[in-house]
């Protein structure tokens, strides 16, 4: 007796006699014609409003994770340097020095990792919102999101700090665009020299 009873016979003699179940799968013991074919096979058409938003949202979590891990690594190295300096000046040795070094590494690594993770979260959220509002995927979204991230991150420090944060975000977005965008002047000059 088969899983589907009388619809899909398991006996080979019945299978040969029944022309409708000629496509019987030998592995799954059912006729694949009963499963409707799904069309279309893509999530969103390429030019739709949701396609550009989906592309941005698929990139958001890896960006946040990589930022946190990079910040943790860099902060850990900075903490090791500070810890070695501080424990040497304090004249600590043995277990006390090792514990102090671990404290410096963990504190600085966590602080820097969380800071970069929060900045990446701000950037990804703002970029997703800008892409959704503008309904376009271009470099202007990167510049707008980076500038707004700098403003938001420094918003509690006053107008001058907000301006500096915006300038830093705009500069970093420009550098990122120069390095990654294939349609800019920098990339075209690099390909002409080759």
C-alpha atoms as a PDB file:
ATOM      1  CA  UNK A   1       0.000   0.000   0.000  1.00  0.00           C
ATOM      2  CA  UNK A   2       1.387   3.391  -0.937  1.00  0.00           C
ATOM      3  CA  UNK A   3       1.320   6.610   0.997  1.00  0.00           C
ATOM      4  CA  UNK A   4      -1.495   8.013  -1.122  1.00  0.00           C
ATOM      5  CA  UNK A   5      -3.617   4.822  -1.190  1.00  0.00           C
ATOM      6  CA  UNK A   6      -5.451   4.163  -4.445  1.00  0.00           C
ATOM      7  CA  UNK A   7      -4.240   7.282  -6.229  1.00  0.00           C
ATOM      8  CA  UNK A   8      -0.616   6.169  -6.511  1.00  0.00           C
ATOM      9  CA  UNK A   9      -0.163   2.414  -6.735  1.00  0.00           C
ATOM     10  CA  UNK A  10       2.987   0.886  -5.340  1.00  0.00           C
ATOM     11  CA  UNK A  11       2.630  -2.441  -7.119  1.00  0.00           C
ATOM     12  CA  UNK A  12       4.728  -2.548 -10.303  1.00  0.00           C
ATOM     13  CA  UNK A  13       2.079  -4.468 -12.206  1.00  0.00           C
ATOM     14  CA  UNK A  14      -0.468  -1.744 -11.539  1.00  0.00           C
ATOM     15  CA  UNK A  15       2.086   0.888 -12.567  1.00  0.00           C
ATOM     16  CA  UNK A  16       2.635  -0.735 -15.942  1.00  0.00           C
ATOM     17  CA  UNK A  17      -1.084  -0.993 -16.505  1.00  0.00           C
ATOM     18  CA  UNK A  18      -1.831   2.568 -15.532  1.00  0.00           C
ATOM     19  CA  UNK A  19      -0.592   5.029 -18.152  1.00  0.00           C
ATOM     20  CA  UNK A  20      -1.349   8.073 -15.929  1.00  0.00           C
ATOM     21  CA  UNK A  21       1.283   7.130 -13.403  1.00  0.00           C
ATOM     22  CA  UNK A  22       4.093   6.718 -15.929  1.00  0.00           C
ATOM     23  CA  UNK A  23       5.933   9.604 -14.282  1.00  0.00           C
ATOM     24  CA  UNK A  24       5.994   7.909 -10.889  1.00  0.00           C
ATOM     25  CA  UNK A  25       9.103   8.949  -9.002  1.00  0.00           C
ATOM     26  CA  UNK A  26      11.089   5.886  -7.878  1.00  0.00           C
ATOM     27  CA  UNK A  27      12.511   7.821  -4.925  1.00  0.00           C
ATOM     28  CA  UNK A  28       9.479   9.499  -3.443  1.00  0.00           C
ATOM     29  CA  UNK A  29       6.747   7.021  -4.470  1.00  0.00           C
ATOM     30  CA  UNK A  30       4.378   9.641  -5.842  1.00  0.00           C
ATOM     31  CA  UNK A  31       3.584  11.238  -9.166  1.00  0.00           C
ATOM     32  CA  UNK A  32       5.321  14.643  -9.453  1.00  0.00           C
ATOM     33  CA  UNK A  33       2.510  15.855 -11.730  1.00  0.00           C
ATOM     34  CA  UNK A  34       0.380  16.360  -8.617  1.00  0.00           C
ATOM     35  CA  UNK A  35       2.666  19.168  -7.434  1.00  0.00           C
ATOM     36  CA  UNK A  36       1.691  22.420  -9.152  1.00  0.00           C
ATOM     37  CA  UNK A  37       4.487  24.238 -10.904  1.00  0.00           C
ATOM     38  CA  UNK A  38       5.229  27.587  -9.296  1.00  0.00           C
ATOM     39  CA  UNK A  39       5.572  30.540 -11.635  1.00  0.00           C
ATOM     40  CA  UNK A  40       7.414  32.875 -11.631  1.00  0.00           C
ATOM     41  CA  UNK A  41      10.554  31.523  -9.959  1.00  0.00           C
ATOM     42  CA  UNK A  42      11.878  34.896  -8.758  1.00  0.00           C
ATOM     43  CA  UNK A  43      10.760  36.875  -5.742  1.00  0.00           C
ATOM     44  CA  UNK A  44      10.185  40.220  -7.399  1.00  0.00           C
ATOM     45  CA  UNK A  45      10.538  41.474 -10.958  1.00  0.00           C
ATOM     46  CA  UNK A  46      13.836  43.299 -11.442  1.00  0.00           C
ATOM     47  CA  UNK A  47      12.332  46.735 -11.881  1.00  0.00           C
ATOM     48  CA  UNK A  48       9.724  46.549  -9.148  1.00  0.00           C
ATOM     49  CA  UNK A  49       9.620  48.713  -6.039  1.00  0.00           C
ATOM     50  CA  UNK A  50      10.189  45.724  -3.766  1.00  0.00           C
ATOM     51  CA  UNK A  51      13.223  44.415  -5.707  1.00  0.00           C
ATOM     52  CA  UNK A  52      15.487  47.335  -4.760  1.00  0.00           C
ATOM     53  CA  UNK A  53      14.279  47.238  -1.152  1.00  0.00           C
ATOM     54  CA  UNK A  54      14.874  43.480  -1.005  1.00  0.00           C
ATOM     55  CA  UNK A  55      18.425  43.910  -2.301  1.00  0.00           C
ATOM     56  CA  UNK A  56      19.186  46.493   0.395  1.00  0.00           C
ATOM     57  CA  UNK A  57      17.633  44.416   3.171  1.00  0.00           C
ATOM     58  CA  UNK A  58      19.560  41.290   2.126  1.00  0.00           C
ATOM     59  CA  UNK A  59      22.811  43.198   2.536  1.00  0.00           C
ATOM     60  CA  UNK A  60      21.934  44.878   5.847  1.00  0.00           C
ATOM     61  CA  UNK A  61      22.624  42.035   8.288  1.00  0.00           C
ATOM     62  CA  UNK A  62      25.993  41.016   6.815  1.00  0.00           C
ATOM     63  CA  UNK A  63      27.106  44.663   6.912  1.00  0.00           C
ATOM     64  CA  UNK A  64      26.124  44.967  10.584  1.00  0.00           C
ATOM     65  CA  UNK A  65      27.800  41.679  11.488  1.00  0.00           C
ATOM     66  CA  UNK A  66      31.025  42.461   9.641  1.00  0.00           C
ATOM     67  CA  UNK A  67      31.149  45.911  11.195  1.00  0.00           C
ATOM     68  CA  UNK A  68      30.758  44.491  14.689  1.00  0.00           C
ATOM     69  CA  UNK A  69      33.411  41.817  14.121  1.00  0.00           C
ATOM     70  CA  UNK A  70      35.853  44.279  12.548  1.00  0.00           C
ATOM     71  CA  UNK A  71      35.326  46.736  15.395  1.00  0.00           C
ATOM     72  CA  UNK A  72      35.829  43.994  17.965  1.00  0.00           C
ATOM     73  CA  UNK A  73      39.084  42.918  16.357  1.00  0.00           C
ATOM     74  CA  UNK A  74      40.451  46.434  16.005  1.00  0.00           C
ATOM     75  CA  UNK A  75      39.308  47.376  19.497  1.00  0.00           C
ATOM     76  CA  UNK A  76      40.879  44.220  20.906  1.00  0.00           C
ATOM     77  CA  UNK A  77      44.223  45.103  19.332  1.00  0.00           C
ATOM     78  CA  UNK A  78      43.987  48.663  20.650  1.00  0.00           C
ATOM     79  CA  UNK A  79      43.066  47.287  24.086  1.00  0.00           C
ATOM     80  CA  UNK A  80      46.072  44.954  24.016  1.00  0.00           C
ATOM     81  CA  UNK A  81      48.353  47.899  23.230  1.00  0.00           C
ATOM     82  CA  UNK A  82      46.841  50.036  25.991  1.00  0.00           C
ATOM     83  CA  UNK A  83      46.926  47.139  28.428  1.00  0.00           C
ATOM     84  CA  UNK A  84      50.572  46.350  27.750  1.00  0.00           C
ATOM     85  CA  UNK A  85      51.471  50.002  28.232  1.00  0.00           C
ATOM     86  CA  UNK A  86      49.420  50.410  31.410  1.00  0.00           C
ATOM     87  CA  UNK A  87      50.557  47.181  33.063  1.00  0.00           C
ATOM     88  CA  UNK A  88      54.197  47.872  32.220  1.00  0.00           C
ATOM     89  CA  UNK A  89      53.981  51.346  33.730  1.00  0.00           C
ATOM     90  CA  UNK A  90      52.235  49.952  36.818  1.00  0.00           C
ATOM     91  CA  UNK A  91      54.884  47.249  37.199  1.00  0.00           C
ATOM     92  CA  UNK A  92      52.354  44.402  37.251  1.00  0.00           C
ATOM     93  CA  UNK A  93      53.452  40.833  36.602  1.00  0.00           C
ATOM     94  CA  UNK A  94      52.020  37.325  36.527  1.00  0.00           C
ATOM     95  CA  UNK A  95      48.323  36.651  37.002  1.00  0.00           C
ATOM     96  CA  UNK A  96      47.470  40.245  37.837  1.00  0.00           C
ATOM     97  CA  UNK A  97      49.001  41.494  34.582  1.00  0.00           C
ATOM     98  CA  UNK A  98      47.268  38.772  32.554  1.00  0.00           C
ATOM     99  CA  UNK A  99      43.904  39.641  34.112  1.00  0.00           C
ATOM    100  CA  UNK A 100      44.408  43.340  33.462  1.00  0.00           C
ATOM    101  CA  UNK A 101      45.371  42.650  29.839  1.00  0.00           C
ATOM    102  CA  UNK A 102      42.226  40.585  29.321  1.00  0.00           C
ATOM    103  CA  UNK A 103      40.136  43.346  30.882  1.00  0.00           C
ATOM    104  CA  UNK A 104      41.638  45.961  28.550  1.00  0.00           C
ATOM    105  CA  UNK A 105      41.183  43.746  25.475  1.00  0.00           C
ATOM    106  CA  UNK A 106      37.581  42.800  26.254  1.00  0.00           C
ATOM    107  CA  UNK A 107      36.485  46.297  27.257  1.00  0.00           C
ATOM    108  CA  UNK A 108      38.025  48.071  24.264  1.00  0.00           C
ATOM    109  CA  UNK A 109      36.973  45.312  21.829  1.00  0.00           C
ATOM    110  CA  UNK A 110      33.375  45.354  22.995  1.00  0.00           C
ATOM    111  CA  UNK A 111      33.153  49.143  23.008  1.00  0.00           C
ATOM    112  CA  UNK A 112      34.579  49.556  19.509  1.00  0.00           C
ATOM    113  CA  UNK A 113      32.593  46.601  18.121  1.00  0.00           C
ATOM    114  CA  UNK A 114      29.318  47.931  19.493  1.00  0.00           C
ATOM    115  CA  UNK A 115      30.051  51.412  18.182  1.00  0.00           C
ATOM    116  CA  UNK A 116      30.712  50.183  14.648  1.00  0.00           C
ATOM    117  CA  UNK A 117      27.733  47.814  14.840  1.00  0.00           C
ATOM    118  CA  UNK A 118      25.431  50.680  15.840  1.00  0.00           C
ATOM    119  CA  UNK A 119      26.785  52.860  13.032  1.00  0.00           C
ATOM    120  CA  UNK A 120      26.184  50.035  10.552  1.00  0.00           C
ATOM    121  CA  UNK A 121      22.648  49.570  11.920  1.00  0.00           C
ATOM    122  CA  UNK A 122      21.936  53.270  11.501  1.00  0.00           C
ATOM    123  CA  UNK A 123      23.354  53.254   7.980  1.00  0.00           C
ATOM    124  CA  UNK A 124      21.492  50.112   6.883  1.00  0.00           C
ATOM    125  CA  UNK A 125      18.166  51.268   8.304  1.00  0.00           C
ATOM    126  CA  UNK A 126      18.435  54.727   6.765  1.00  0.00           C
ATOM    127  CA  UNK A 127      19.604  53.323   3.410  1.00  0.00           C
ATOM    128  CA  UNK A 128      16.677  50.905   3.374  1.00  0.00           C
ATOM    129  CA  UNK A 129      14.253  53.737   4.126  1.00  0.00           C
ATOM    130  CA  UNK A 130      15.772  56.032   1.498  1.00  0.00           C
ATOM    131  CA  UNK A 131      15.644  53.251  -1.108  1.00  0.00           C
ATOM    132  CA  UNK A 132      12.011  52.583  -0.241  1.00  0.00           C
ATOM    133  CA  UNK A 133      11.066  56.283  -0.398  1.00  0.00           C
ATOM    134  CA  UNK A 134      12.983  57.141  -3.574  1.00  0.00           C
ATOM    135  CA  UNK A 135      12.190  53.817  -5.301  1.00  0.00           C
ATOM    136  CA  UNK A 136      15.640  53.856  -6.920  1.00  0.00           C
ATOM    137  CA  UNK A 137      18.880  52.016  -6.289  1.00  0.00           C
ATOM    138  CA  UNK A 138      21.798  54.352  -6.981  1.00  0.00           C
ATOM    139  CA  UNK A 139      24.792  56.014  -5.330  1.00  0.00           C
ATOM    140  CA  UNK A 140      22.675  58.932  -4.099  1.00  0.00           C
ATOM    141  CA  UNK A 141      21.116  56.556  -1.553  1.00  0.00           C
ATOM    142  CA  UNK A 142      24.583  55.760  -0.220  1.00  0.00           C
ATOM    143  CA  UNK A 143      25.466  59.442   0.165  1.00  0.00           C
ATOM    144  CA  UNK A 144      22.137  60.333   1.786  1.00  0.00           C
ATOM    145  CA  UNK A 145      22.289  57.390   4.208  1.00  0.00           C
ATOM    146  CA  UNK A 146      25.916  58.005   5.200  1.00  0.00           C
ATOM    147  CA  UNK A 147      25.317  61.722   5.776  1.00  0.00           C
ATOM    148  CA  UNK A 148      22.181  61.082   7.837  1.00  0.00           C
ATOM    149  CA  UNK A 149      24.033  58.413   9.827  1.00  0.00           C
ATOM    150  CA  UNK A 150      26.752  60.912  10.755  1.00  0.00           C
ATOM    151  CA  UNK A 151      24.133  63.469  11.774  1.00  0.00           C
ATOM    152  CA  UNK A 152      22.147  60.950  13.827  1.00  0.00           C
ATOM    153  CA  UNK A 153      25.199  59.502  15.553  1.00  0.00           C
ATOM    154  CA  UNK A 154      26.416  62.922  16.684  1.00  0.00           C
ATOM    155  CA  UNK A 155      22.959  64.396  17.338  1.00  0.00           C
ATOM    156  CA  UNK A 156      23.426  64.522  21.116  1.00  0.00           C
ATOM    157  CA  UNK A 157      26.678  66.529  20.902  1.00  0.00           C
ATOM    158  CA  UNK A 158      25.421  69.753  19.330  1.00  0.00           C
ATOM    159  CA  UNK A 159      25.187  71.317  15.891  1.00  0.00           C
ATOM    160  CA  UNK A 160      28.931  71.568  15.283  1.00  0.00           C
ATOM    161  CA  UNK A 161      29.426  67.865  16.023  1.00  0.00           C
ATOM    162  CA  UNK A 162      26.437  67.015  13.832  1.00  0.00           C
ATOM    163  CA  UNK A 163      28.053  68.920  10.965  1.00  0.00           C
ATOM    164  CA  UNK A 164      31.340  67.110  11.505  1.00  0.00           C
ATOM    165  CA  UNK A 165      29.482  63.777  11.602  1.00  0.00           C
ATOM    166  CA  UNK A 166      27.717  64.623   8.348  1.00  0.00           C
ATOM    167  CA  UNK A 167      31.035  65.571   6.740  1.00  0.00           C
ATOM    168  CA  UNK A 168      32.636  62.340   7.960  1.00  0.00           C
ATOM    169  CA  UNK A 169      29.734  60.279   6.624  1.00  0.00           C
ATOM    170  CA  UNK A 170      29.801  62.082   3.288  1.00  0.00           C
ATOM    171  CA  UNK A 171      33.575  61.578   2.998  1.00  0.00           C
ATOM    172  CA  UNK A 172      33.363  57.874   3.822  1.00  0.00           C
ATOM    173  CA  UNK A 173      30.521  57.423   1.329  1.00  0.00           C
ATOM    174  CA  UNK A 174      32.610  59.161  -1.334  1.00  0.00           C
ATOM    175  CA  UNK A 175      35.605  56.926  -0.677  1.00  0.00           C
ATOM    176  CA  UNK A 176      33.389  53.831  -0.692  1.00  0.00           C
ATOM    177  CA  UNK A 177      31.767  54.885  -3.959  1.00  0.00           C
ATOM    178  CA  UNK A 178      35.122  55.593  -5.602  1.00  0.00           C
ATOM    179  CA  UNK A 179      36.398  52.149  -4.637  1.00  0.00           C
ATOM    180  CA  UNK A 180      33.322  50.065  -5.454  1.00  0.00           C
ATOM    181  CA  UNK A 181      31.270  51.804  -8.158  1.00  0.00           C
ATOM    182  CA  UNK A 182      32.266  50.756 -11.669  1.00  0.00           C
ATOM    183  CA  UNK A 183      30.588  53.705 -13.384  1.00  0.00           C
ATOM    184  CA  UNK A 184      32.645  56.513 -11.870  1.00  0.00           C
ATOM    185  CA  UNK A 185      35.588  58.460 -13.260  1.00  0.00           C
ATOM    186  CA  UNK A 186      38.125  56.723 -10.995  1.00  0.00           C
ATOM    187  CA  UNK A 187      37.209  53.263 -12.306  1.00  0.00           C
ATOM    188  CA  UNK A 188      37.185  54.401 -15.923  1.00  0.00           C
ATOM    189  CA  UNK A 189      40.658  55.949 -15.544  1.00  0.00           C
ATOM    190  CA  UNK A 190      41.933  52.760 -13.923  1.00  0.00           C
ATOM    191  CA  UNK A 191      40.642  50.637 -16.845  1.00  0.00           C
ATOM    192  CA  UNK A 192      42.074  53.004 -19.460  1.00  0.00           C
ATOM    193  CA  UNK A 193      45.577  52.683 -17.952  1.00  0.00           C
ATOM    194  CA  UNK A 194      45.393  48.877 -18.135  1.00  0.00           C
END
